[in-house]
PDB file of N, CA and C in Angstrom:
ATOM      1  N   UNK A   1      18.091 -37.369  28.931  1.00  0.00           N
ATOM      2  CA  UNK A   1      18.845 -37.305  27.683  1.00  0.00           C
ATOM      3  C   UNK A   1      20.305 -36.931  27.980  1.00  0.00           C
ATOM      4  N   UNK A   2      21.191 -37.492  27.205  1.00  0.00           N
ATOM      5  CA  UNK A   2      22.607 -37.140  27.340  1.00  0.00           C
ATOM      6  C   UNK A   2      22.837 -35.743  26.759  1.00  0.00           C
ATOM      7  N   UNK A   3      23.992 -35.193  27.010  1.00  0.00           N
ATOM      8  CA  UNK A   3      24.327 -33.862  26.492  1.00  0.00           C
ATOM      9  C   UNK A   3      24.314 -33.850  24.959  1.00  0.00           C
ATOM     10  N   UNK A   4      24.835 -34.888  24.333  1.00  0.00           N
ATOM     11  CA  UNK A   4      24.868 -34.937  22.864  1.00  0.00           C
ATOM     12  C   UNK A   4      23.458 -35.065  22.297  1.00  0.00           C
ATOM     13  N   UNK A   5      22.586 -35.821  22.980  1.00  0.00           N
ATOM     14  CA  UNK A   5      21.197 -35.919  22.525  1.00  0.00           C
ATOM     15  C   UNK A   5      20.494 -34.571  22.646  1.00  0.00           C
ATOM     16  N   UNK A   6      20.771 -33.839  23.712  1.00  0.00           N
ATOM     17  CA  UNK A   6      20.205 -32.498  23.873  1.00  0.00           C
ATOM     18  C   UNK A   6      20.705 -31.574  22.769  1.00  0.00           C
ATOM     19  N   UNK A   7      21.985 -31.684  22.449  1.00  0.00           N
ATOM     20  CA  UNK A   7      22.557 -30.858  21.384  1.00  0.00           C
ATOM     21  C   UNK A   7      21.907 -31.178  20.037  1.00  0.00           C
ATOM     22  N   UNK A   8      21.698 -32.456  19.762  1.00  0.00           N
ATOM     23  CA  UNK A   8      21.051 -32.854  18.501  1.00  0.00           C
ATOM     24  C   UNK A   8      19.619 -32.341  18.451  1.00  0.00           C
ATOM     25  N   UNK A   9      18.903 -32.457  19.555  1.00  0.00           N
ATOM     26  CA  UNK A   9      17.516 -31.966  19.602  1.00  0.00           C
ATOM     27  C   UNK A   9      17.479 -30.458  19.384  1.00  0.00           C
ATOM     28  N   UNK A  10      18.449 -29.748  19.925  1.00  0.00           N
ATOM     29  CA  UNK A  10      18.518 -28.301  19.754  1.00  0.00           C
ATOM     30  C   UNK A  10      18.803 -27.931  18.298  1.00  0.00           C
ATOM     31  N   UNK A  11      19.688 -28.677  17.648  1.00  0.00           N
ATOM     32  CA  UNK A  11      19.973 -28.415  16.226  1.00  0.00           C
ATOM     33  C   UNK A  11      18.725 -28.630  15.368  1.00  0.00           C
ATOM     34  N   UNK A  12      17.995 -29.691  15.662  1.00  0.00           N
ATOM     35  CA  UNK A  12      16.763 -29.981  14.921  1.00  0.00           C
ATOM     36  C   UNK A  12      15.725 -28.895  15.168  1.00  0.00           C
ATOM     37  N   UNK A  13      15.534 -28.529  16.428  1.00  0.00           N
ATOM     38  CA  UNK A  13      14.540 -27.501  16.775  1.00  0.00           C
ATOM     39  C   UNK A  13      14.893 -26.158  16.144  1.00  0.00           C
ATOM     40  N   UNK A  14      16.169 -25.831  16.106  1.00  0.00           N
ATOM     41  CA  UNK A  14      16.591 -24.558  15.512  1.00  0.00           C
ATOM     42  C   UNK A  14      16.296 -24.534  14.018  1.00  0.00           C
ATOM     43  N   UNK A  15      16.575 -25.633  13.325  1.00  0.00           N
ATOM     44  CA  UNK A  15      16.251 -25.697  11.889  1.00  0.00           C
ATOM     45  C   UNK A  15      14.765 -25.435  11.675  1.00  0.00           C
ATOM     46  N   UNK A  16      13.937 -26.114  12.451  1.00  0.00           N
ATOM     47  CA  UNK A  16      12.486 -26.010  12.258  1.00  0.00           C
ATOM     48  C   UNK A  16      11.911 -24.683  12.752  1.00  0.00           C
ATOM     49  N   UNK A  17      12.642 -24.003  13.601  1.00  0.00           N
ATOM     50  CA  UNK A  17      12.230 -22.664  14.039  1.00  0.00           C
ATOM     51  C   UNK A  17      12.207 -21.696  12.854  1.00  0.00           C
ATOM     52  N   UNK A  18      13.107 -21.900  11.890  1.00  0.00           N
ATOM     53  CA  UNK A  18      13.224 -20.998  10.737  1.00  0.00           C
ATOM     54  C   UNK A  18      12.637 -21.569   9.456  1.00  0.00           C
ATOM     55  N   UNK A  19      12.651 -22.878   9.299  1.00  0.00           N
ATOM     56  CA  UNK A  19      12.122 -23.477   8.065  1.00  0.00           C
ATOM     57  C   UNK A  19      10.606 -23.358   8.049  1.00  0.00           C
ATOM     58  N   UNK A  20      10.055 -23.288   6.870  1.00  0.00           N
ATOM     59  CA  UNK A  20       8.606 -23.302   6.734  1.00  0.00           C
ATOM     60  C   UNK A  20       7.923 -21.961   6.864  1.00  0.00           C
ATOM     61  N   UNK A  21       8.654 -20.920   7.213  1.00  0.00           N
ATOM     62  CA  UNK A  21       8.028 -19.599   7.307  1.00  0.00           C
ATOM     63  C   UNK A  21       7.484 -19.165   5.948  1.00  0.00           C
ATOM     64  N   UNK A  22       8.125 -19.688   4.891  1.00  0.00           N
ATOM     65  CA  UNK A  22       7.689 -19.365   3.527  1.00  0.00           C
ATOM     66  C   UNK A  22       7.021 -20.565   2.865  1.00  0.00           C
ATOM     67  N   UNK A  23       6.594 -21.541   3.646  1.00  0.00           N
ATOM     68  CA  UNK A  23       5.877 -22.676   3.064  1.00  0.00           C
ATOM     69  C   UNK A  23       6.400 -24.020   3.503  1.00  0.00           C
ATOM     70  N   UNK A  24       7.426 -24.527   2.842  1.00  0.00           N
ATOM     71  CA  UNK A  24       7.920 -25.890   3.043  1.00  0.00           C
ATOM     72  C   UNK A  24       8.749 -25.986   4.328  1.00  0.00           C
ATOM     73  N   UNK A  25       8.286 -26.782   5.299  1.00  0.00           N
ATOM     74  CA  UNK A  25       8.987 -26.921   6.576  1.00  0.00           C
ATOM     75  C   UNK A  25      10.227 -27.806   6.499  1.00  0.00           C
ATOM     76  N   UNK A  26      10.478 -28.437   5.340  1.00  0.00           N
ATOM     77  CA  UNK A  26      11.638 -29.317   5.233  1.00  0.00           C
ATOM     78  C   UNK A  26      12.865 -28.606   4.665  1.00  0.00           C
ATOM     79  N   UNK A  27      12.713 -27.336   4.308  1.00  0.00           N
ATOM     80  CA  UNK A  27      13.831 -26.591   3.721  1.00  0.00           C
ATOM     81  C   UNK A  27      13.889 -25.178   4.288  1.00  0.00           C
ATOM     82  N   UNK A  28      15.055 -24.573   4.105  1.00  0.00           N
ATOM     83  CA  UNK A  28      15.238 -23.156   4.404  1.00  0.00           C
ATOM     84  C   UNK A  28      15.362 -22.409   3.083  1.00  0.00           C
ATOM     85  N   UNK A  29      14.531 -21.408   2.877  1.00  0.00           N
ATOM     86  CA  UNK A  29      14.696 -20.529   1.732  1.00  0.00           C
ATOM     87  C   UNK A  29      15.918 -19.647   2.012  1.00  0.00           C
ATOM     88  N   UNK A  30      16.349 -18.880   1.038  1.00  0.00           N
ATOM     89  CA  UNK A  30      17.490 -17.990   1.245  1.00  0.00           C
ATOM     90  C   UNK A  30      17.194 -16.992   2.370  1.00  0.00           C
ATOM     91  N   UNK A  31      15.981 -16.435   2.413  1.00  0.00           N
ATOM     92  CA  UNK A  31      15.621 -15.469   3.463  1.00  0.00           C
ATOM     93  C   UNK A  31      15.594 -16.141   4.836  1.00  0.00           C
ATOM     94  N   UNK A  32      15.035 -17.344   4.909  1.00  0.00           N
ATOM     95  CA  UNK A  32      15.005 -18.075   6.175  1.00  0.00           C
ATOM     96  C   UNK A  32      16.423 -18.408   6.635  1.00  0.00           C
ATOM     97  N   UNK A  33      17.273 -18.802   5.694  1.00  0.00           N
ATOM     98  CA  UNK A  33      18.666 -19.120   5.987  1.00  0.00           C
ATOM     99  C   UNK A  33      19.395 -17.898   6.540  1.00  0.00           C
ATOM    100  N   UNK A  34      19.173 -16.745   5.920  1.00  0.00           N
ATOM    101  CA  UNK A  34      19.802 -15.510   6.388  1.00  0.00           C
ATOM    102  C   UNK A  34      19.332 -15.183   7.805  1.00  0.00           C
ATOM    103  N   UNK A  35      18.037 -15.333   8.068  1.00  0.00           N
ATOM    104  CA  UNK A  35      17.503 -15.086   9.406  1.00  0.00           C
ATOM    105  C   UNK A  35      18.162 -16.011  10.432  1.00  0.00           C
ATOM    106  N   UNK A  36      18.288 -17.287  10.090  1.00  0.00           N
ATOM    107  CA  UNK A  36      18.919 -18.250  10.984  1.00  0.00           C
ATOM    108  C   UNK A  36      20.369 -17.865  11.247  1.00  0.00           C
ATOM    109  N   UNK A  37      21.123 -17.549  10.198  1.00  0.00           N
ATOM    110  CA  UNK A  37      22.528 -17.177  10.380  1.00  0.00           C
ATOM    111  C   UNK A  37      22.669 -15.976  11.295  1.00  0.00           C
ATOM    112  N   UNK A  38      21.881 -14.932  11.032  1.00  0.00           N
ATOM    113  CA  UNK A  38      21.983 -13.710  11.826  1.00  0.00           C
ATOM    114  C   UNK A  38      21.600 -13.936  13.282  1.00  0.00           C
ATOM    115  N   UNK A  39      20.508 -14.639  13.517  1.00  0.00           N
ATOM    116  CA  UNK A  39      20.001 -14.810  14.875  1.00  0.00           C
ATOM    117  C   UNK A  39      20.771 -15.853  15.677  1.00  0.00           C
ATOM    118  N   UNK A  40      21.174 -16.922  15.027  1.00  0.00           N
ATOM    119  CA  UNK A  40      21.741 -18.060  15.755  1.00  0.00           C
ATOM    120  C   UNK A  40      23.258 -18.173  15.662  1.00  0.00           C
ATOM    121  N   UNK A  41      23.860 -17.628  14.605  1.00  0.00           N
ATOM    122  CA  UNK A  41      25.301 -17.786  14.409  1.00  0.00           C
ATOM    123  C   UNK A  41      26.020 -16.457  14.201  1.00  0.00           C
ATOM    124  N   UNK A  42      25.328 -15.359  14.446  1.00  0.00           N
ATOM    125  CA  UNK A  42      25.913 -14.035  14.238  1.00  0.00           C
ATOM    126  C   UNK A  42      27.178 -13.808  15.026  1.00  0.00           C
ATOM    127  N   UNK A  43      27.248 -14.342  16.249  1.00  0.00           N
ATOM    128  CA  UNK A  43      28.440 -14.172  17.073  1.00  0.00           C
ATOM    129  C   UNK A  43      29.650 -14.879  16.464  1.00  0.00           C
ATOM    130  N   UNK A  44      29.413 -15.955  15.766  1.00  0.00           N
ATOM    131  CA  UNK A  44      30.502 -16.739  15.175  1.00  0.00           C
ATOM    132  C   UNK A  44      30.845 -16.227  13.780  1.00  0.00           C
ATOM    133  N   UNK A  45      29.831 -16.007  12.964  1.00  0.00           N
ATOM    134  CA  UNK A  45      30.043 -15.640  11.566  1.00  0.00           C
ATOM    135  C   UNK A  45      30.034 -14.140  11.315  1.00  0.00           C
ATOM    136  N   UNK A  46      29.509 -13.364  12.244  1.00  0.00           N
ATOM    137  CA  UNK A  46      29.258 -11.963  11.954  1.00  0.00           C
ATOM    138  C   UNK A  46      27.911 -11.879  11.248  1.00  0.00           C
ATOM    139  N   UNK A  47      27.371 -10.720  11.179  1.00  0.00           N
ATOM    140  CA  UNK A  47      26.064 -10.556  10.552  1.00  0.00           C
ATOM    141  C   UNK A  47      26.171 -10.767   9.046  1.00  0.00           C
ATOM    142  N   UNK A  48      25.196 -11.452   8.478  1.00  0.00           N
ATOM    143  CA  UNK A  48      25.198 -11.791   7.044  1.00  0.00           C
ATOM    144  C   UNK A  48      24.573 -10.649   6.246  1.00  0.00           C
ATOM    145  N   UNK A  49      25.197  -9.483   6.315  1.00  0.00           N
ATOM    146  CA  UNK A  49      24.669  -8.328   5.593  1.00  0.00           C
ATOM    147  C   UNK A  49      25.284  -8.193   4.200  1.00  0.00           C
ATOM    148  N   UNK A  50      26.444  -8.812   3.993  1.00  0.00           N
ATOM    149  CA  UNK A  50      27.115  -8.756   2.698  1.00  0.00           C
ATOM    150  C   UNK A  50      26.394  -9.729   1.761  1.00  0.00           C
ATOM    151  N   UNK A  51      25.601  -9.183   0.831  1.00  0.00           N
ATOM    152  CA  UNK A  51      24.776 -10.022  -0.046  1.00  0.00           C
ATOM    153  C   UNK A  51      25.625 -10.989  -0.862  1.00  0.00           C
ATOM    154  N   UNK A  52      26.768 -10.529  -1.369  1.00  0.00           N
ATOM    155  CA  UNK A  52      27.622 -11.410  -2.174  1.00  0.00           C
ATOM    156  C   UNK A  52      28.158 -12.563  -1.334  1.00  0.00           C
ATOM    157  N   UNK A  53      28.558 -12.269  -0.102  1.00  0.00           N
ATOM    158  CA  UNK A  53      29.077 -13.323   0.777  1.00  0.00           C
ATOM    159  C   UNK A  53      27.968 -14.307   1.136  1.00  0.00           C
ATOM    160  N   UNK A  54      26.777 -13.777   1.434  1.00  0.00           N
ATOM    161  CA  UNK A  54      25.640 -14.648   1.747  1.00  0.00           C
ATOM    162  C   UNK A  54      25.296 -15.531   0.547  1.00  0.00           C
ATOM    163  N   UNK A  55      25.273 -14.942  -0.644  1.00  0.00           N
ATOM    164  CA  UNK A  55      24.980 -15.711  -1.854  1.00  0.00           C
ATOM    165  C   UNK A  55      25.993 -16.838  -2.044  1.00  0.00           C
ATOM    166  N   UNK A  56      27.282 -16.559  -1.774  1.00  0.00           N
ATOM    167  CA  UNK A  56      28.314 -17.577  -1.942  1.00  0.00           C
ATOM    168  C   UNK A  56      28.131 -18.700  -0.920  1.00  0.00           C
ATOM    169  N   UNK A  57      27.893 -18.342   0.348  1.00  0.00           N
ATOM    170  CA  UNK A  57      27.673 -19.366   1.376  1.00  0.00           C
ATOM    171  C   UNK A  57      26.473 -20.227   0.988  1.00  0.00           C
ATOM    172  N   UNK A  58      25.390 -19.568   0.576  1.00  0.00           N
ATOM    173  CA  UNK A  58      24.170 -20.280   0.223  1.00  0.00           C
ATOM    174  C   UNK A  58      24.416 -21.208  -0.967  1.00  0.00           C
ATOM    175  N   UNK A  59      25.087 -20.696  -1.996  1.00  0.00           N
ATOM    176  CA  UNK A  59      25.359 -21.507  -3.199  1.00  0.00           C
ATOM    177  C   UNK A  59      26.255 -22.693  -2.866  1.00  0.00           C
ATOM    178  N   UNK A  60      27.302 -22.450  -2.080  1.00  0.00           N
ATOM    179  CA  UNK A  60      28.213 -23.533  -1.701  1.00  0.00           C
ATOM    180  C   UNK A  60      27.504 -24.584  -0.850  1.00  0.00           C
ATOM    181  N   UNK A  61      26.606 -24.130   0.004  1.00  0.00           N
ATOM    182  CA  UNK A  61      25.889 -25.034   0.897  1.00  0.00           C
ATOM    183  C   UNK A  61      24.811 -25.827   0.170  1.00  0.00           C
ATOM    184  N   UNK A  62      24.201 -25.224  -0.838  1.00  0.00           N
ATOM    185  CA  UNK A  62      23.110 -25.844  -1.596  1.00  0.00           C
ATOM    186  C   UNK A  62      23.684 -26.889  -2.546  1.00  0.00           C
ATOM    187  N   UNK A  63      24.146 -28.008  -1.966  1.00  0.00           N
ATOM    188  CA  UNK A  63      24.866 -29.038  -2.722  1.00  0.00           C
ATOM    189  C   UNK A  63      24.066 -29.608  -3.877  1.00  0.00           C
ATOM    190  N   UNK A  64      22.752 -29.725  -3.718  1.00  0.00           N
ATOM    191  CA  UNK A  64      21.940 -30.334  -4.775  1.00  0.00           C
ATOM    192  C   UNK A  64      21.390 -29.304  -5.770  1.00  0.00           C
ATOM    193  N   UNK A  65      21.726 -28.015  -5.584  1.00  0.00           N
ATOM    194  CA  UNK A  65      21.304 -26.983  -6.527  1.00  0.00           C
ATOM    195  C   UNK A  65      19.814 -26.705  -6.533  1.00  0.00           C
ATOM    196  N   UNK A  66      19.137 -26.998  -5.430  1.00  0.00           N
ATOM    197  CA  UNK A  66      17.676 -26.848  -5.377  1.00  0.00           C
ATOM    198  C   UNK A  66      17.219 -25.407  -5.158  1.00  0.00           C
ATOM    199  N   UNK A  67      18.144 -24.541  -4.780  1.00  0.00           N
ATOM    200  CA  UNK A  67      17.768 -23.162  -4.480  1.00  0.00           C
ATOM    201  C   UNK A  67      17.285 -22.985  -3.056  1.00  0.00           C
ATOM    202  N   UNK A  68      17.483 -24.020  -2.243  1.00  0.00           N
ATOM    203  CA  UNK A  68      17.109 -23.978  -0.827  1.00  0.00           C
ATOM    204  C   UNK A  68      18.109 -24.837  -0.063  1.00  0.00           C
ATOM    205  N   UNK A  69      18.045 -24.746   1.264  1.00  0.00           N
ATOM    206  CA  UNK A  69      18.933 -25.532   2.119  1.00  0.00           C
ATOM    207  C   UNK A  69      18.082 -26.549   2.883  1.00  0.00           C
ATOM    208  N   UNK A  70      18.368 -27.838   2.658  1.00  0.00           N
ATOM    209  CA  UNK A  70      17.631 -28.869   3.385  1.00  0.00           C
ATOM    210  C   UNK A  70      18.362 -29.193   4.695  1.00  0.00           C
ATOM    211  N   UNK A  71      17.801 -30.100   5.479  1.00  0.00           N
ATOM    212  CA  UNK A  71      18.378 -30.386   6.793  1.00  0.00           C
ATOM    213  C   UNK A  71      19.794 -30.930   6.683  1.00  0.00           C
ATOM    214  N   UNK A  72      20.049 -31.787   5.719  1.00  0.00           N
ATOM    215  CA  UNK A  72      21.398 -32.358   5.564  1.00  0.00           C
ATOM    216  C   UNK A  72      22.412 -31.268   5.257  1.00  0.00           C
ATOM    217  N   UNK A  73      22.049 -30.325   4.396  1.00  0.00           N
ATOM    218  CA  UNK A  73      22.954 -29.224   4.063  1.00  0.00           C
ATOM    219  C   UNK A  73      23.184 -28.323   5.274  1.00  0.00           C
ATOM    220  N   UNK A  74      22.129 -28.067   6.049  1.00  0.00           N
ATOM    221  CA  UNK A  74      22.226 -27.296   7.286  1.00  0.00           C
ATOM    222  C   UNK A  74      23.145 -28.008   8.288  1.00  0.00           C
ATOM    223  N   UNK A  75      22.961 -29.300   8.455  1.00  0.00           N
ATOM    224  CA  UNK A  75      23.784 -30.067   9.391  1.00  0.00           C
ATOM    225  C   UNK A  75      25.252 -30.034   8.970  1.00  0.00           C
ATOM    226  N   UNK A  76      25.513 -30.053   7.673  1.00  0.00           N
ATOM    227  CA  UNK A  76      26.874 -29.955   7.161  1.00  0.00           C
ATOM    228  C   UNK A  76      27.488 -28.616   7.550  1.00  0.00           C
ATOM    229  N   UNK A  77      26.728 -27.534   7.412  1.00  0.00           N
ATOM    230  CA  UNK A  77      27.217 -26.207   7.801  1.00  0.00           C
ATOM    231  C   UNK A  77      27.553 -26.181   9.291  1.00  0.00           C
ATOM    232  N   UNK A  78      26.653 -26.671  10.124  1.00  0.00           N
ATOM    233  CA  UNK A  78      26.880 -26.663  11.570  1.00  0.00           C
ATOM    234  C   UNK A  78      28.121 -27.485  11.916  1.00  0.00           C
ATOM    235  N   UNK A  79      28.274 -28.633  11.285  1.00  0.00           N
ATOM    236  CA  UNK A  79      29.441 -29.475  11.545  1.00  0.00           C
ATOM    237  C   UNK A  79      30.732 -28.769  11.142  1.00  0.00           C
ATOM    238  N   UNK A  80      30.738 -28.108   9.997  1.00  0.00           N
ATOM    239  CA  UNK A  80      31.931 -27.396   9.531  1.00  0.00           C
ATOM    240  C   UNK A  80      32.289 -26.238  10.464  1.00  0.00           C
ATOM    241  N   UNK A  81      31.293 -25.480  10.885  1.00  0.00           N
ATOM    242  CA  UNK A  81      31.539 -24.361  11.803  1.00  0.00           C
ATOM    243  C   UNK A  81      32.037 -24.892  13.146  1.00  0.00           C
ATOM    244  N   UNK A  82      31.497 -26.022  13.598  1.00  0.00           N
ATOM    245  CA  UNK A  82      31.923 -26.633  14.855  1.00  0.00           C
ATOM    246  C   UNK A  82      33.387 -27.057  14.770  1.00  0.00           C
ATOM    247  N   UNK A  83      33.786 -27.615  13.636  1.00  0.00           N
ATOM    248  CA  UNK A  83      35.179 -28.025  13.457  1.00  0.00           C
ATOM    249  C   UNK A  83      36.113 -26.817  13.481  1.00  0.00           C
ATOM    250  N   UNK A  84      35.705 -25.718  12.853  1.00  0.00           N
ATOM    251  CA  UNK A  84      36.527 -24.501  12.853  1.00  0.00           C
ATOM    252  C   UNK A  84      36.655 -23.954  14.275  1.00  0.00           C
ATOM    253  N   UNK A  85      35.548 -23.922  15.013  1.00  0.00           N
ATOM    254  CA  UNK A  85      35.583 -23.458  16.407  1.00  0.00           C
ATOM    255  C   UNK A  85      36.489 -24.329  17.260  1.00  0.00           C
ATOM    256  N   UNK A  86      36.434 -25.646  17.049  1.00  0.00           N
ATOM    257  CA  UNK A  86      37.290 -26.570  17.785  1.00  0.00           C
ATOM    258  C   UNK A  86      38.764 -26.286  17.515  1.00  0.00           C
ATOM    259  N   UNK A  87      39.105 -26.028  16.258  1.00  0.00           N
ATOM    260  CA  UNK A  87      40.500 -25.722  15.901  1.00  0.00           C
ATOM    261  C   UNK A  87      40.954 -24.422  16.560  1.00  0.00           C
ATOM    262  N   UNK A  88      40.068 -23.439  16.619  1.00  0.00           N
ATOM    263  CA  UNK A  88      40.426 -22.149  17.212  1.00  0.00           C
ATOM    264  C   UNK A  88      40.585 -22.252  18.724  1.00  0.00           C
ATOM    265  N   UNK A  89      39.851 -23.161  19.356  1.00  0.00           N
ATOM    266  CA  UNK A  89      39.924 -23.329  20.806  1.00  0.00           C
ATOM    267  C   UNK A  89      41.156 -24.135  21.230  1.00  0.00           C
ATOM    268  N   UNK A  90      41.615 -25.005  20.319  1.00  0.00           N
ATOM    269  CA  UNK A  90      42.693 -25.921  20.665  1.00  0.00           C
ATOM    270  C   UNK A  90      43.990 -25.387  20.311  1.00  0.00           C
TER     271      UNK A  90
END
């Protein structure tokens, strides 16, 4: 596999590592999302302990208003954070 294919597989595996703990494996509940942010992106975002900030991120990310984060919404978050990191590195 190429490096980009490995990266894509890792993004998919990470989503599924947290999704489904509360039932549906195709979405992240708010609690699952918080766990993912803290464990996987804490170094970049800081710990998601501020409930108001977490609620805002979750609401902004939940584009379809379903009350959960699906894979497309998760991928959008990862892409946005990647773009910010790229700008900071360059």
